[in-house]
Amino acid sequence: MSHSIAFRVSRGVVACAAVLSIAFVPGVRAQSGTSSASEPVKVAMLDLAFYGKRANDIFPGDTSMADTATAVMRRELGSAPGITFVDAAAVAKAAASPAKAIVQDRPCNVVVACARAVGQELGATWVVMGKISKTSDLIWIFSGELIDVASGKLVLDDSYELKGIAKDMVPKGAEVFARRVAKKVTAGNAAVQ
């Protein structure tokens, strides 16, 4: 009987040693279906644009919804684990450079090629861009894009119809897209989920 107890104890010690080696040895990690890169990925985000050309009315404060969505996305992505967020001032400076500021009569923050060039200049792996469009007082559209800087591919190209009071709904649309971006850039693959 003492032989049986000793066998069980030694088997338990071996199991504990295996768990500890996976947890504390650099470069070794358990496979759980998700991967976390050892180094955070570098993400640049251009300010979101506001479009109101098709809106039935533009009221004071409507254009600030793009600023609100930008702030929400920066907060969400800046606090996401595994992401190094490029400073907003550096992104704005790169986007405003004479070569990129206006492309085909459109600002850089709505042109994928320009956003990619900003990402390349700043050494970012990913670039996020988007726009907030007003169609009526109660219907807004949040559009967001995630660009793989190396390939130039649009990895996420989402559009959400937001119905309700803009100051309540626009931040929610930004939060949803920010979560999708964070999940995608830290997942380690380029397939749209």
C-alpha atoms as a PDB file:
ATOM      1  CA  MET A   1       0.000   0.000   0.000  1.00  0.00           C
ATOM      2  CA  SER A   2       2.841   2.443   0.725  1.00  0.00           C
ATOM      3  CA  HIS A   3       4.187   1.692  -2.785  1.00  0.00           C
ATOM      4  CA  SER A   4       0.814   2.800  -4.251  1.00  0.00           C
ATOM      5  CA  ILE A   5       0.824   6.048  -2.253  1.00  0.00           C
ATOM      6  CA  ALA A   6       4.406   6.820  -3.272  1.00  0.00           C
ATOM      7  CA  PHE A   7       3.504   6.212  -6.949  1.00  0.00           C
ATOM      8  CA  ARG A   8       0.531   8.591  -6.717  1.00  0.00           C
ATOM      9  CA  VAL A   9       2.599  11.281  -4.992  1.00  0.00           C
ATOM     10  CA  SER A  10       5.429  11.041  -7.538  1.00  0.00           C
ATOM     11  CA  ARG A  11       2.928  11.169 -10.414  1.00  0.00           C
ATOM     12  CA  GLY A  12       1.445  14.327  -8.840  1.00  0.00           C
ATOM     13  CA  VAL A  13       4.881  15.900  -8.497  1.00  0.00           C
ATOM     14  CA  VAL A  14       5.638  15.203 -12.177  1.00  0.00           C
ATOM     15  CA  ALA A  15       2.308  16.737 -13.225  1.00  0.00           C
ATOM     16  CA  CYS A  16       2.966  19.864 -11.130  1.00  0.00           C
ATOM     17  CA  ALA A  17       6.473  20.177 -12.570  1.00  0.00           C
ATOM     18  CA  ALA A  18       5.081  19.976 -16.108  1.00  0.00           C
ATOM     19  CA  VAL A  19       2.503  22.702 -15.411  1.00  0.00           C
ATOM     20  CA  LEU A  20       5.107  24.955 -13.810  1.00  0.00           C
ATOM     21  CA  SER A  21       7.526  24.490 -16.703  1.00  0.00           C
ATOM     22  CA  ILE A  22       4.847  25.559 -19.175  1.00  0.00           C
ATOM     23  CA  ALA A  23       3.865  28.542 -17.033  1.00  0.00           C
ATOM     24  CA  PHE A  24       7.322  29.887 -16.222  1.00  0.00           C
ATOM     25  CA  VAL A  25       9.788  28.797 -18.899  1.00  0.00           C
ATOM     26  CA  PRO A  26      10.214  31.549 -21.521  1.00  0.00           C
ATOM     27  CA  GLY A  27       9.064  30.596 -25.002  1.00  0.00           C
ATOM     28  CA  VAL A  28       6.899  27.692 -23.815  1.00  0.00           C
ATOM     29  CA  ARG A  29       3.146  28.103 -23.514  1.00  0.00           C
ATOM     30  CA  ALA A  30       0.117  25.886 -23.315  1.00  0.00           C
ATOM     31  CA  GLN A  31      -2.040  25.532 -26.401  1.00  0.00           C
ATOM     32  CA  SER A  32      -5.523  26.822 -25.610  1.00  0.00           C
ATOM     33  CA  GLY A  33      -6.825  27.657 -29.060  1.00  0.00           C
ATOM     34  CA  THR A  34      -5.842  31.317 -28.831  1.00  0.00           C
ATOM     35  CA  SER A  35      -2.461  32.783 -29.456  1.00  0.00           C
ATOM     36  CA  SER A  36      -0.926  35.798 -27.860  1.00  0.00           C
ATOM     37  CA  ALA A  37       2.091  37.251 -29.516  1.00  0.00           C
ATOM     38  CA  SER A  38       5.116  37.870 -27.345  1.00  0.00           C
ATOM     39  CA  GLU A  39       5.370  41.404 -28.689  1.00  0.00           C
ATOM     40  CA  PRO A  40       2.369  43.719 -28.970  1.00  0.00           C
ATOM     41  CA  VAL A  41       1.221  44.623 -32.471  1.00  0.00           C
ATOM     42  CA  LYS A  42       1.543  48.248 -33.546  1.00  0.00           C
ATOM     43  CA  VAL A  43      -1.748  49.859 -34.587  1.00  0.00           C
ATOM     44  CA  ALA A  44      -2.251  53.344 -36.053  1.00  0.00           C
ATOM     45  CA  MET A  45      -5.672  54.959 -36.213  1.00  0.00           C
ATOM     46  CA  LEU A  46      -6.689  57.938 -38.281  1.00  0.00           C
ATOM     47  CA  ASP A  47      -9.388  60.266 -36.953  1.00  0.00           C
ATOM     48  CA  LEU A  48     -12.810  59.092 -38.085  1.00  0.00           C
ATOM     49  CA  ALA A  49     -14.494  61.259 -40.717  1.00  0.00           C
ATOM     50  CA  PHE A  50     -17.993  62.748 -40.625  1.00  0.00           C
ATOM     51  CA  TYR A  51     -20.309  62.595 -43.641  1.00  0.00           C
ATOM     52  CA  GLY A  52     -23.585  64.425 -43.688  1.00  0.00           C
ATOM     53  CA  LYS A  53     -24.183  65.059 -47.394  1.00  0.00           C
ATOM     54  CA  ARG A  54     -27.232  62.790 -47.473  1.00  0.00           C
ATOM     55  CA  ALA A  55     -28.650  63.865 -44.123  1.00  0.00           C
ATOM     56  CA  ASN A  56     -32.022  65.543 -44.074  1.00  0.00           C
ATOM     57  CA  ASP A  57     -30.656  68.140 -41.567  1.00  0.00           C
ATOM     58  CA  ILE A  58     -27.318  68.925 -39.965  1.00  0.00           C
ATOM     59  CA  PHE A  59     -27.503  70.283 -36.433  1.00  0.00           C
ATOM     60  CA  PRO A  60     -24.835  71.767 -34.187  1.00  0.00           C
ATOM     61  CA  GLY A  61     -22.962  68.888 -32.609  1.00  0.00           C
ATOM     62  CA  ASP A  62     -23.558  66.410 -35.429  1.00  0.00           C
ATOM     63  CA  THR A  63     -20.019  66.680 -36.764  1.00  0.00           C
ATOM     64  CA  SER A  64     -18.647  66.044 -33.271  1.00  0.00           C
ATOM     65  CA  MET A  65     -20.010  62.492 -33.438  1.00  0.00           C
ATOM     66  CA  ALA A  66     -16.927  61.552 -35.475  1.00  0.00           C
ATOM     67  CA  ASP A  67     -14.740  62.982 -32.689  1.00  0.00           C
ATOM     68  CA  THR A  68     -16.732  61.021 -30.116  1.00  0.00           C
ATOM     69  CA  ALA A  69     -16.347  57.767 -32.050  1.00  0.00           C
ATOM     70  CA  THR A  70     -12.618  58.455 -32.531  1.00  0.00           C
ATOM     71  CA  ALA A  71     -12.134  59.001 -28.785  1.00  0.00           C
ATOM     72  CA  VAL A  72     -14.059  55.836 -27.891  1.00  0.00           C
ATOM     73  CA  MET A  73     -12.071  53.716 -30.343  1.00  0.00           C
ATOM     74  CA  ARG A  74      -8.748  55.150 -29.137  1.00  0.00           C
ATOM     75  CA  ARG A  75      -9.708  54.431 -25.540  1.00  0.00           C
ATOM     76  CA  GLU A  76     -10.798  50.854 -26.316  1.00  0.00           C
ATOM     77  CA  LEU A  77      -7.832  49.986 -28.544  1.00  0.00           C
ATOM     78  CA  GLY A  78      -5.333  51.794 -26.316  1.00  0.00           C
ATOM     79  CA  SER A  79      -6.352  49.675 -23.349  1.00  0.00           C
ATOM     80  CA  ALA A  80      -6.535  46.369 -25.248  1.00  0.00           C
ATOM     81  CA  PRO A  81      -3.850  43.857 -24.266  1.00  0.00           C
ATOM     82  CA  GLY A  82      -1.362  42.968 -26.984  1.00  0.00           C
ATOM     83  CA  ILE A  83      -1.669  46.295 -28.818  1.00  0.00           C
ATOM     84  CA  THR A  84       0.789  49.183 -28.960  1.00  0.00           C
ATOM     85  CA  PHE A  85      -1.175  52.182 -30.115  1.00  0.00           C
ATOM     86  CA  VAL A  86       0.613  54.809 -32.232  1.00  0.00           C
ATOM     87  CA  ASP A  87       0.338  58.303 -30.765  1.00  0.00           C
ATOM     88  CA  ALA A  88      -2.566  60.238 -32.304  1.00  0.00           C
ATOM     89  CA  ALA A  89      -0.429  63.344 -32.873  1.00  0.00           C
ATOM     90  CA  ALA A  90       2.125  61.330 -34.873  1.00  0.00           C
ATOM     91  CA  VAL A  91      -0.674  59.834 -36.983  1.00  0.00           C
ATOM     92  CA  ALA A  92      -2.237  63.259 -37.605  1.00  0.00           C
ATOM     93  CA  LYS A  93       1.149  64.698 -38.595  1.00  0.00           C
ATOM     94  CA  ALA A  94       1.822  61.843 -41.034  1.00  0.00           C
ATOM     95  CA  ALA A  95      -1.681  62.107 -42.523  1.00  0.00           C
ATOM     96  CA  ALA A  96      -1.327  65.877 -42.951  1.00  0.00           C
ATOM     97  CA  SER A  97       1.971  65.725 -44.822  1.00  0.00           C
ATOM     98  CA  PRO A  98       1.689  67.436 -48.223  1.00  0.00           C
ATOM     99  CA  ALA A  99       2.026  64.150 -50.113  1.00  0.00           C
ATOM    100  CA  LYS A 100      -0.893  62.584 -48.233  1.00  0.00           C
ATOM    101  CA  ALA A 101      -3.144  65.392 -47.008  1.00  0.00           C
ATOM    102  CA  ILE A 102      -5.555  65.380 -49.948  1.00  0.00           C
ATOM    103  CA  VAL A 103      -5.940  62.444 -52.314  1.00  0.00           C
ATOM    104  CA  GLN A 104      -8.322  62.844 -55.238  1.00  0.00           C
ATOM    105  CA  ASP A 105     -10.037  65.744 -53.443  1.00  0.00           C
ATOM    106  CA  ARG A 106     -10.660  63.562 -50.382  1.00  0.00           C
ATOM    107  CA  PRO A 107      -8.906  63.779 -47.001  1.00  0.00           C
ATOM    108  CA  CYS A 108      -6.382  61.065 -46.138  1.00  0.00           C
ATOM    109  CA  ASN A 109      -8.583  59.562 -43.408  1.00  0.00           C
ATOM    110  CA  VAL A 110     -11.094  58.263 -45.987  1.00  0.00           C
ATOM    111  CA  VAL A 111      -8.646  56.858 -48.567  1.00  0.00           C
ATOM    112  CA  VAL A 112      -7.325  53.330 -47.935  1.00  0.00           C
ATOM    113  CA  ALA A 113      -4.090  53.856 -49.904  1.00  0.00           C
ATOM    114  CA  CYS A 114      -3.344  57.015 -47.954  1.00  0.00           C
ATOM    115  CA  ALA A 115      -4.087  55.349 -44.611  1.00  0.00           C
ATOM    116  CA  ARG A 116      -1.766  52.504 -45.591  1.00  0.00           C
ATOM    117  CA  ALA A 117       0.990  54.998 -46.471  1.00  0.00           C
ATOM    118  CA  VAL A 118       0.586  56.571 -43.015  1.00  0.00           C
ATOM    119  CA  GLY A 119       0.923  53.118 -41.437  1.00  0.00           C
ATOM    120  CA  GLN A 120       4.051  52.399 -43.476  1.00  0.00           C
ATOM    121  CA  GLU A 121       5.610  55.716 -42.480  1.00  0.00           C
ATOM    122  CA  LEU A 122       4.941  55.060 -38.790  1.00  0.00           C
ATOM    123  CA  GLY A 123       5.987  51.396 -38.835  1.00  0.00           C
ATOM    124  CA  ALA A 124       2.511  50.159 -37.905  1.00  0.00           C
ATOM    125  CA  THR A 125       1.352  46.632 -38.666  1.00  0.00           C
ATOM    126  CA  TRP A 126      -2.301  47.677 -38.882  1.00  0.00           C
ATOM    127  CA  VAL A 127      -4.205  50.879 -39.663  1.00  0.00           C
ATOM    128  CA  VAL A 128      -7.767  51.655 -38.559  1.00  0.00           C
ATOM    129  CA  MET A 129      -9.943  54.201 -40.326  1.00  0.00           C
ATOM    130  CA  GLY A 130     -13.643  54.910 -40.622  1.00  0.00           C
ATOM    131  CA  LYS A 131     -16.466  57.377 -40.845  1.00  0.00           C
ATOM    132  CA  ILE A 132     -19.705  58.354 -39.188  1.00  0.00           C
ATOM    133  CA  SER A 133     -22.524  59.172 -41.613  1.00  0.00           C
ATOM    134  CA  LYS A 134     -25.779  60.868 -40.709  1.00  0.00           C
ATOM    135  CA  THR A 135     -28.821  59.975 -42.754  1.00  0.00           C
ATOM    136  CA  SER A 136     -31.492  61.378 -40.430  1.00  0.00           C
ATOM    137  CA  ASP A 137     -31.860  62.478 -36.819  1.00  0.00           C
ATOM    138  CA  LEU A 138     -32.338  58.880 -35.680  1.00  0.00           C
ATOM    139  CA  ILE A 139     -30.338  56.897 -38.251  1.00  0.00           C
ATOM    140  CA  TRP A 140     -26.554  57.004 -38.424  1.00  0.00           C
ATOM    141  CA  ILE A 141     -24.080  54.692 -40.140  1.00  0.00           C
ATOM    142  CA  PHE A 142     -20.782  53.675 -38.552  1.00  0.00           C
ATOM    143  CA  SER A 143     -18.267  52.386 -41.118  1.00  0.00           C
ATOM    144  CA  GLY A 144     -14.892  51.060 -40.056  1.00  0.00           C
ATOM    145  CA  GLU A 145     -11.972  49.513 -41.896  1.00  0.00           C
ATOM    146  CA  LEU A 146      -8.917  47.616 -40.698  1.00  0.00           C
ATOM    147  CA  ILE A 147      -5.995  47.572 -43.133  1.00  0.00           C
ATOM    148  CA  ASP A 148      -3.082  45.129 -43.112  1.00  0.00           C
ATOM    149  CA  VAL A 149      -0.229  47.559 -43.838  1.00  0.00           C
ATOM    150  CA  ALA A 150       2.110  44.931 -45.329  1.00  0.00           C
ATOM    151  CA  SER A 151      -0.359  43.645 -47.928  1.00  0.00           C
ATOM    152  CA  GLY A 152      -2.698  46.629 -48.254  1.00  0.00           C
ATOM    153  CA  LYS A 153      -5.685  44.305 -47.812  1.00  0.00           C
ATOM    154  CA  LEU A 154      -8.853  45.400 -46.094  1.00  0.00           C
ATOM    155  CA  VAL A 155      -9.110  42.783 -43.365  1.00  0.00           C
ATOM    156  CA  LEU A 156     -12.254  44.211 -41.772  1.00  0.00           C
ATOM    157  CA  ASP A 157     -14.758  46.375 -43.627  1.00  0.00           C
ATOM    158  CA  ASP A 158     -17.720  46.796 -41.283  1.00  0.00           C
ATOM    159  CA  SER A 159     -20.791  48.967 -41.515  1.00  0.00           C
ATOM    160  CA  TYR A 160     -23.355  49.313 -38.718  1.00  0.00           C
ATOM    161  CA  GLU A 161     -26.700  51.069 -38.957  1.00  0.00           C
ATOM    162  CA  LEU A 162     -27.195  52.875 -35.671  1.00  0.00           C
ATOM    163  CA  LYS A 163     -30.786  53.733 -34.813  1.00  0.00           C
ATOM    164  CA  GLY A 164     -31.559  55.995 -31.924  1.00  0.00           C
ATOM    165  CA  ILE A 165     -30.072  59.048 -30.282  1.00  0.00           C
ATOM    166  CA  ALA A 166     -26.641  59.668 -31.806  1.00  0.00           C
ATOM    167  CA  LYS A 167     -24.853  60.508 -28.536  1.00  0.00           C
ATOM    168  CA  ASP A 168     -25.914  57.080 -27.210  1.00  0.00           C
ATOM    169  CA  MET A 169     -25.575  54.948 -30.332  1.00  0.00           C
ATOM    170  CA  VAL A 170     -22.409  56.239 -32.027  1.00  0.00           C
ATOM    171  CA  PRO A 171     -20.167  55.338 -29.054  1.00  0.00           C
ATOM    172  CA  LYS A 172     -21.722  51.842 -29.005  1.00  0.00           C
ATOM    173  CA  GLY A 173     -20.920  51.341 -32.698  1.00  0.00           C
ATOM    174  CA  ALA A 174     -17.334  52.479 -32.042  1.00  0.00           C
ATOM    175  CA  GLU A 175     -17.007  50.053 -29.108  1.00  0.00           C
ATOM    176  CA  VAL A 176     -18.231  47.113 -31.181  1.00  0.00           C
ATOM    177  CA  PHE A 177     -15.819  47.835 -34.011  1.00  0.00           C
ATOM    178  CA  ALA A 178     -12.914  48.453 -31.607  1.00  0.00           C
ATOM    179  CA  ARG A 179     -13.523  45.020 -30.029  1.00  0.00           C
ATOM    180  CA  ARG A 180     -13.493  43.382 -33.462  1.00  0.00           C
ATOM    181  CA  VAL A 181     -10.279  45.181 -34.363  1.00  0.00           C
ATOM    182  CA  ALA A 182      -8.591  44.206 -31.092  1.00  0.00           C
ATOM    183  CA  LYS A 183      -9.618  40.572 -31.543  1.00  0.00           C
ATOM    184  CA  LYS A 184      -8.402  40.504 -35.145  1.00  0.00           C
ATOM    185  CA  VAL A 185      -5.020  42.185 -34.664  1.00  0.00           C
ATOM    186  CA  THR A 186      -4.120  40.037 -31.676  1.00  0.00           C
ATOM    187  CA  ALA A 187      -5.363  36.753 -33.204  1.00  0.00           C
ATOM    188  CA  GLY A 188      -2.365  36.257 -35.475  1.00  0.00           C
ATOM    189  CA  ASN A 189      -4.238  35.402 -38.683  1.00  0.00           C
ATOM    190  CA  ALA A 190      -5.688  37.528 -41.481  1.00  0.00           C
ATOM    191  CA  ALA A 191      -9.008  35.785 -42.159  1.00  0.00           C
ATOM    192  CA  VAL A 192     -12.135  37.829 -41.464  1.00  0.00           C
ATOM    193  CA  GLN A 193     -14.027  36.379 -38.519  1.00  0.00           C
END
